[in-house]
Each structure stands twice: as structure tokens, then as C-alpha cells.
Amino acid sequence: MQHGARNHAGGCSSSYARSTNDGHMMVTECKPDIDNDTGMIRYTDAHGNEQQSNKNDVKQMLKIN
């Protein structure tokens, strides 16, 4: 469980694709952090912005490279 924003300045070796229950697809820079206490997923989007979403809204998450 990760609290607070992660620093991805060093880059990540893998990206992840997430599909949501409403049909949206998002690509993240690194593996998202899942906070089971709050039910939120924290991630860095393809533009380098820190984002978060409710894990109940995510249908599937796949490592893509």
C-alpha cells in the first residue's frame, strides 16, 4: 500500500493498460499503486500527470510491456 505520490523520474520498465467498467481505456507509465484502505488506485498517466480513480471502476489491468 502506497500513500502519497510516487516519484517516477527514473522511469519505469513496464506500462499498464486499464479498462474501466464504462468502456474507457487508459495507459499508465508504471504499475499503479492500489490503496486497499481507501479503495483508490494512484497512477501516472501517459502525459506524466498523477491521477487516481476508484478501484471498483476498473474492470481489468494488464501489463503491456
PDB file of N, CA and C in Angstrom:
ATOM      1  N   MET A   1       0.848  -1.169   0.000  1.00  0.00           N
ATOM      2  CA  MET A   1       0.000   0.000   0.000  1.00  0.00           C
ATOM      3  C   MET A   1       0.888   1.224   0.000  1.00  0.00           C
ATOM      4  N   GLN A   2       0.589   2.155  -0.870  1.00  0.00           N
ATOM      5  CA  GLN A   2       1.408   3.349  -1.038  1.00  0.00           C
ATOM      6  C   GLN A   2       0.569   4.575  -0.717  1.00  0.00           C
ATOM      7  N   HIS A   3       1.068   5.434   0.157  1.00  0.00           N
ATOM      8  CA  HIS A   3       0.398   6.694   0.470  1.00  0.00           C
ATOM      9  C   HIS A   3       1.241   7.820  -0.094  1.00  0.00           C
ATOM     10  N   GLY A   4       0.625   8.778  -0.767  1.00  0.00           N
ATOM     11  CA  GLY A   4       1.348   9.894  -1.355  1.00  0.00           C
ATOM     12  C   GLY A   4       1.774   9.578  -2.773  1.00  0.00           C
ATOM     13  N   ALA A   5       2.208  10.594  -3.484  1.00  0.00           N
ATOM     14  CA  ALA A   5       2.597  10.443  -4.879  1.00  0.00           C
ATOM     15  C   ALA A   5       3.969   9.785  -4.974  1.00  0.00           C
ATOM     16  N   ARG A   6       4.136   8.967  -5.995  1.00  0.00           N
ATOM     17  CA  ARG A   6       5.425   8.336  -6.249  1.00  0.00           C
ATOM     18  C   ARG A   6       6.220   9.203  -7.195  1.00  0.00           C
ATOM     19  N   ASN A   7       7.520   9.139  -7.086  1.00  0.00           N
ATOM     20  CA  ASN A   7       8.395   9.869  -7.984  1.00  0.00           C
ATOM     21  C   ASN A   7       8.861   8.908  -9.067  1.00  0.00           C
ATOM     22  N   HIS A   8       8.467   9.176 -10.308  1.00  0.00           N
ATOM     23  CA  HIS A   8       8.817   8.303 -11.424  1.00  0.00           C
ATOM     24  C   HIS A   8       9.919   8.899 -12.286  1.00  0.00           C
ATOM     25  N   ALA A   9      10.719   9.798 -11.736  1.00  0.00           N
ATOM     26  CA  ALA A   9      11.747  10.475 -12.514  1.00  0.00           C
ATOM     27  C   ALA A   9      12.731   9.497 -13.142  1.00  0.00           C
ATOM     28  N   GLY A  10      12.953   8.356 -12.505  1.00  0.00           N
ATOM     29  CA  GLY A  10      13.875   7.374 -13.034  1.00  0.00           C
ATOM     30  C   GLY A  10      13.287   6.535 -14.138  1.00  0.00           C
ATOM     31  N   GLY A  11      11.991   6.646 -14.393  1.00  0.00           N
ATOM     32  CA  GLY A  11      11.327   5.868 -15.421  1.00  0.00           C
ATOM     33  C   GLY A  11      10.933   4.495 -14.912  1.00  0.00           C
ATOM     34  N   CYS A  12      10.122   3.844 -15.685  1.00  0.00           N
ATOM     35  CA  CYS A  12       9.637   2.515 -15.325  1.00  0.00           C
ATOM     36  C   CYS A  12       9.905   1.562 -16.478  1.00  0.00           C
ATOM     37  N   SER A  13      10.047   0.312 -16.154  1.00  0.00           N
ATOM     38  CA  SER A  13      10.318  -0.666 -17.194  1.00  0.00           C
ATOM     39  C   SER A  13       9.035  -1.184 -17.830  1.00  0.00           C
ATOM     40  N   SER A  14       7.894  -0.969 -17.205  1.00  0.00           N
ATOM     41  CA  SER A  14       6.635  -1.501 -17.728  1.00  0.00           C
ATOM     42  C   SER A  14       5.529  -0.464 -17.693  1.00  0.00           C
ATOM     43  N   SER A  15       4.655  -0.535 -18.692  1.00  0.00           N
ATOM     44  CA  SER A  15       3.442   0.269 -18.725  1.00  0.00           C
ATOM     45  C   SER A  15       2.265  -0.676 -18.522  1.00  0.00           C
ATOM     46  N   TYR A  16       1.152  -0.117 -18.092  1.00  0.00           N
ATOM     47  CA  TYR A  16      -0.047  -0.902 -17.842  1.00  0.00           C
ATOM     48  C   TYR A  16      -1.232  -0.267 -18.544  1.00  0.00           C
ATOM     49  N   ALA A  17      -2.108  -1.100 -19.091  1.00  0.00           N
ATOM     50  CA  ALA A  17      -3.364  -0.645 -19.683  1.00  0.00           C
ATOM     51  C   ALA A  17      -4.483  -1.028 -18.732  1.00  0.00           C
ATOM     52  N   ARG A  18      -5.404  -0.073 -18.520  1.00  0.00           N
ATOM     53  CA  ARG A  18      -6.547  -0.334 -17.643  1.00  0.00           C
ATOM     54  C   ARG A  18      -7.815  -0.082 -18.428  1.00  0.00           C
ATOM     55  N   SER A  19      -8.752  -0.996 -18.321  1.00  0.00           N
ATOM     56  CA  SER A  19     -10.065  -0.752 -18.902  1.00  0.00           C
ATOM     57  C   SER A  19     -11.041  -0.543 -17.750  1.00  0.00           C
ATOM     58  N   THR A  20     -11.947   0.411 -17.954  1.00  0.00           N
ATOM     59  CA  THR A  20     -12.918   0.737 -16.916  1.00  0.00           C
ATOM     60  C   THR A  20     -14.252   0.073 -17.217  1.00  0.00           C
ATOM     61  N   ASN A  21     -15.105   0.016 -16.228  1.00  0.00           N
ATOM     62  CA  ASN A  21     -16.420  -0.603 -16.389  1.00  0.00           C
ATOM     63  C   ASN A  21     -17.278   0.115 -17.423  1.00  0.00           C
ATOM     64  N   ASP A  22     -16.996   1.416 -17.658  1.00  0.00           N
ATOM     65  CA  ASP A  22     -17.779   2.163 -18.646  1.00  0.00           C
ATOM     66  C   ASP A  22     -17.126   2.180 -20.030  1.00  0.00           C
ATOM     67  N   GLY A  23     -16.085   1.342 -20.246  1.00  0.00           N
ATOM     68  CA  GLY A  23     -15.508   1.160 -21.570  1.00  0.00           C
ATOM     69  C   GLY A  23     -14.304   2.010 -21.922  1.00  0.00           C
ATOM     70  N   HIS A  24     -13.800   2.836 -21.033  1.00  0.00           N
ATOM     71  CA  HIS A  24     -12.618   3.649 -21.314  1.00  0.00           C
ATOM     72  C   HIS A  24     -11.349   2.815 -21.140  1.00  0.00           C
ATOM     73  N   MET A  25     -10.319   3.159 -21.923  1.00  0.00           N
ATOM     74  CA  MET A  25      -9.020   2.501 -21.818  1.00  0.00           C
ATOM     75  C   MET A  25      -7.990   3.567 -21.483  1.00  0.00           C
ATOM     76  N   MET A  26      -7.135   3.300 -20.489  1.00  0.00           N
ATOM     77  CA  MET A  26      -6.093   4.225 -20.079  1.00  0.00           C
ATOM     78  C   MET A  26      -4.764   3.487 -20.015  1.00  0.00           C
ATOM     79  N   VAL A  27      -3.702   4.162 -20.400  1.00  0.00           N
ATOM     80  CA  VAL A  27      -2.351   3.608 -20.296  1.00  0.00           C
ATOM     81  C   VAL A  27      -1.622   4.377 -19.211  1.00  0.00           C
ATOM     82  N   THR A  28      -0.968   3.648 -18.321  1.00  0.00           N
ATOM     83  CA  THR A  28      -0.218   4.268 -17.238  1.00  0.00           C
ATOM     84  C   THR A  28       1.273   4.063 -17.469  1.00  0.00           C
ATOM     85  N   GLU A  29       2.061   4.994 -16.954  1.00  0.00           N
ATOM     86  CA  GLU A  29       3.513   4.989 -17.125  1.00  0.00           C
ATOM     87  C   GLU A  29       4.165   3.836 -16.352  1.00  0.00           C
ATOM     88  N   CYS A  30       3.667   3.521 -15.183  1.00  0.00           N
ATOM     89  CA  CYS A  30       4.213   2.479 -14.309  1.00  0.00           C
ATOM     90  C   CYS A  30       3.055   1.673 -13.721  1.00  0.00           C
ATOM     91  N   LYS A  31       3.397   0.657 -12.971  1.00  0.00           N
ATOM     92  CA  LYS A  31       2.350  -0.111 -12.308  1.00  0.00           C
ATOM     93  C   LYS A  31       1.625   0.784 -11.304  1.00  0.00           C
ATOM     94  N   PRO A  32       0.291   0.849 -11.396  1.00  0.00           N
ATOM     95  CA  PRO A  32      -0.476   1.676 -10.462  1.00  0.00           C
ATOM     96  C   PRO A  32      -0.363   1.161  -9.030  1.00  0.00           C
ATOM     97  N   ASP A  33      -0.473   2.082  -8.064  1.00  0.00           N
ATOM     98  CA  ASP A  33      -0.498   1.740  -6.641  1.00  0.00           C
ATOM     99  C   ASP A  33      -1.950   1.594  -6.225  1.00  0.00           C
ATOM    100  N   ILE A  34      -2.281   0.487  -5.569  1.00  0.00           N
ATOM    101  CA  ILE A  34      -3.642   0.265  -5.069  1.00  0.00           C
ATOM    102  C   ILE A  34      -3.631   0.432  -3.563  1.00  0.00           C
ATOM    103  N   ASP A  35      -4.425   1.382  -3.067  1.00  0.00           N
ATOM    104  CA  ASP A  35      -4.568   1.614  -1.635  1.00  0.00           C
ATOM    105  C   ASP A  35      -5.848   0.921  -1.179  1.00  0.00           C
ATOM    106  N   ASN A  36      -5.694  -0.242  -0.575  1.00  0.00           N
ATOM    107  CA  ASN A  36      -6.861  -1.018  -0.155  1.00  0.00           C
ATOM    108  C   ASN A  36      -7.644  -0.360   0.974  1.00  0.00           C
ATOM    109  N   ASP A  37      -7.006   0.532   1.723  1.00  0.00           N
ATOM    110  CA  ASP A  37      -7.715   1.239   2.795  1.00  0.00           C
ATOM    111  C   ASP A  37      -8.720   2.236   2.233  1.00  0.00           C
ATOM    112  N   THR A  38      -8.340   2.941   1.170  1.00  0.00           N
ATOM    113  CA  THR A  38      -9.222   3.959   0.592  1.00  0.00           C
ATOM    114  C   THR A  38      -9.976   3.466  -0.638  1.00  0.00           C
ATOM    115  N   GLY A  39      -9.517   2.365  -1.244  1.00  0.00           N
ATOM    116  CA  GLY A  39     -10.141   1.862  -2.462  1.00  0.00           C
ATOM    117  C   GLY A  39      -9.752   2.636  -3.704  1.00  0.00           C
ATOM    118  N   MET A  40      -8.658   3.404  -3.620  1.00  0.00           N
ATOM    119  CA  MET A  40      -8.234   4.219  -4.746  1.00  0.00           C
ATOM    120  C   MET A  40      -6.981   3.639  -5.407  1.00  0.00           C
ATOM    121  N   ILE A  41      -6.889   3.841  -6.715  1.00  0.00           N
ATOM    122  CA  ILE A  41      -5.721   3.464  -7.500  1.00  0.00           C
ATOM    123  C   ILE A  41      -5.013   4.755  -7.889  1.00  0.00           C
ATOM    124  N   ARG A  42      -3.731   4.853  -7.577  1.00  0.00           N
ATOM    125  CA  ARG A  42      -2.925   6.018  -7.953  1.00  0.00           C
ATOM    126  C   ARG A  42      -2.019   5.610  -9.098  1.00  0.00           C
ATOM    127  N   TYR A  43      -1.913   6.491 -10.111  1.00  0.00           N
ATOM    128  CA  TYR A  43      -1.099   6.184 -11.269  1.00  0.00           C
ATOM    129  C   TYR A  43      -0.629   7.469 -11.946  1.00  0.00           C
ATOM    130  N   THR A  44       0.367   7.328 -12.802  1.00  0.00           N
ATOM    131  CA  THR A  44       0.841   8.426 -13.628  1.00  0.00           C
ATOM    132  C   THR A  44       0.347   8.158 -15.038  1.00  0.00           C
ATOM    133  N   ASP A  45      -0.395   9.116 -15.606  1.00  0.00           N
ATOM    134  CA  ASP A  45      -0.952   8.907 -16.939  1.00  0.00           C
ATOM    135  C   ASP A  45       0.118   9.096 -18.019  1.00  0.00           C
ATOM    136  N   ALA A  46      -0.260   8.910 -19.278  1.00  0.00           N
ATOM    137  CA  ALA A  46       0.677   8.985 -20.400  1.00  0.00           C
ATOM    138  C   ALA A  46       1.279  10.370 -20.571  1.00  0.00           C
ATOM    139  N   HIS A  47       0.675  11.401 -19.977  1.00  0.00           N
ATOM    140  CA  HIS A  47       1.179  12.767 -20.055  1.00  0.00           C
ATOM    141  C   HIS A  47       2.039  13.140 -18.848  1.00  0.00           C
ATOM    142  N   GLY A  48       2.276  12.171 -17.933  1.00  0.00           N
ATOM    143  CA  GLY A  48       3.102  12.416 -16.759  1.00  0.00           C
ATOM    144  C   GLY A  48       2.373  13.026 -15.574  1.00  0.00           C
ATOM    145  N   ASN A  49       1.036  13.076 -15.631  1.00  0.00           N
ATOM    146  CA  ASN A  49       0.238  13.656 -14.541  1.00  0.00           C
ATOM    147  C   ASN A  49      -0.194  12.584 -13.554  1.00  0.00           C
ATOM    148  N   GLU A  50      -0.059  12.888 -12.256  1.00  0.00           N
ATOM    149  CA  GLU A  50      -0.541  11.978 -11.212  1.00  0.00           C
ATOM    150  C   GLU A  50      -2.065  11.986 -11.203  1.00  0.00           C
ATOM    151  N   GLN A  51      -2.669  10.803 -11.216  1.00  0.00           N
ATOM    152  CA  GLN A  51      -4.125  10.652 -11.234  1.00  0.00           C
ATOM    153  C   GLN A  51      -4.517   9.603 -10.192  1.00  0.00           C
ATOM    154  N   GLN A  52      -5.802   9.554  -9.884  1.00  0.00           N
ATOM    155  CA  GLN A  52      -6.318   8.472  -9.057  1.00  0.00           C
ATOM    156  C   GLN A  52      -7.754   8.177  -9.459  1.00  0.00           C
ATOM    157  N   SER A  53      -8.156   6.936  -9.252  1.00  0.00           N
ATOM    158  CA  SER A  53      -9.522   6.524  -9.541  1.00  0.00           C
ATOM    159  C   SER A  53      -9.917   5.424  -8.564  1.00  0.00           C
ATOM    160  N   ASN A  54     -11.198   5.193  -8.464  1.00  0.00           N
ATOM    161  CA  ASN A  54     -11.716   4.173  -7.576  1.00  0.00           C
ATOM    162  C   ASN A  54     -11.461   2.799  -8.185  1.00  0.00           C
ATOM    163  N   LYS A  55     -10.908   1.875  -7.403  1.00  0.00           N
ATOM    164  CA  LYS A  55     -10.586   0.552  -7.948  1.00  0.00           C
ATOM    165  C   LYS A  55     -11.837  -0.211  -8.376  1.00  0.00           C
ATOM    166  N   ASN A  56     -13.007   0.133  -7.838  1.00  0.00           N
ATOM    167  CA  ASN A  56     -14.246  -0.526  -8.245  1.00  0.00           C
ATOM    168  C   ASN A  56     -14.658  -0.142  -9.663  1.00  0.00           C
ATOM    169  N   ASP A  57     -14.088   0.941 -10.197  1.00  0.00           N
ATOM    170  CA  ASP A  57     -14.390   1.380 -11.561  1.00  0.00           C
ATOM    171  C   ASP A  57     -13.514   0.688 -12.605  1.00  0.00           C
ATOM    172  N   VAL A  58     -12.511  -0.064 -12.167  1.00  0.00           N
ATOM    173  CA  VAL A  58     -11.574  -0.717 -13.081  1.00  0.00           C
ATOM    174  C   VAL A  58     -12.008  -2.151 -13.324  1.00  0.00           C
ATOM    175  N   LYS A  59     -12.198  -2.463 -14.599  1.00  0.00           N
ATOM    176  CA  LYS A  59     -12.615  -3.819 -14.984  1.00  0.00           C
ATOM    177  C   LYS A  59     -11.407  -4.750 -15.107  1.00  0.00           C
ATOM    178  N   GLN A  60     -10.317  -4.221 -15.729  1.00  0.00           N
ATOM    179  CA  GLN A  60      -9.150  -5.051 -15.986  1.00  0.00           C
ATOM    180  C   GLN A  60      -7.915  -4.178 -16.028  1.00  0.00           C
ATOM    181  N   MET A  61      -6.769  -4.730 -15.596  1.00  0.00           N
ATOM    182  CA  MET A  61      -5.483  -4.049 -15.654  1.00  0.00           C
ATOM    183  C   MET A  61      -4.451  -5.039 -16.172  1.00  0.00           C
ATOM    184  N   LEU A  62      -3.761  -4.667 -17.265  1.00  0.00           N
ATOM    185  CA  LEU A  62      -2.799  -5.566 -17.903  1.00  0.00           C
ATOM    186  C   LEU A  62      -1.451  -4.898 -18.098  1.00  0.00           C
ATOM    187  N   LYS A  63      -0.381  -5.640 -17.851  1.00  0.00           N
ATOM    188  CA  LYS A  63       0.973  -5.179 -18.148  1.00  0.00           C
ATOM    189  C   LYS A  63       1.148  -5.261 -19.666  1.00  0.00           C
ATOM    190  N   ILE A  64       1.599  -4.164 -20.300  1.00  0.00           N
ATOM    191  CA  ILE A  64       1.676  -4.179 -21.768  1.00  0.00           C
ATOM    192  C   ILE A  64       3.100  -4.178 -22.311  1.00  0.00           C
ATOM    193  N   ASN A  65       4.109  -3.976 -21.473  1.00  0.00           N
ATOM    194  CA  ASN A  65       5.497  -4.116 -21.947  1.00  0.00           C
ATOM    195  C   ASN A  65       6.436  -4.297 -20.791  1.00  0.00           C
TER     196      ASN A  65
END
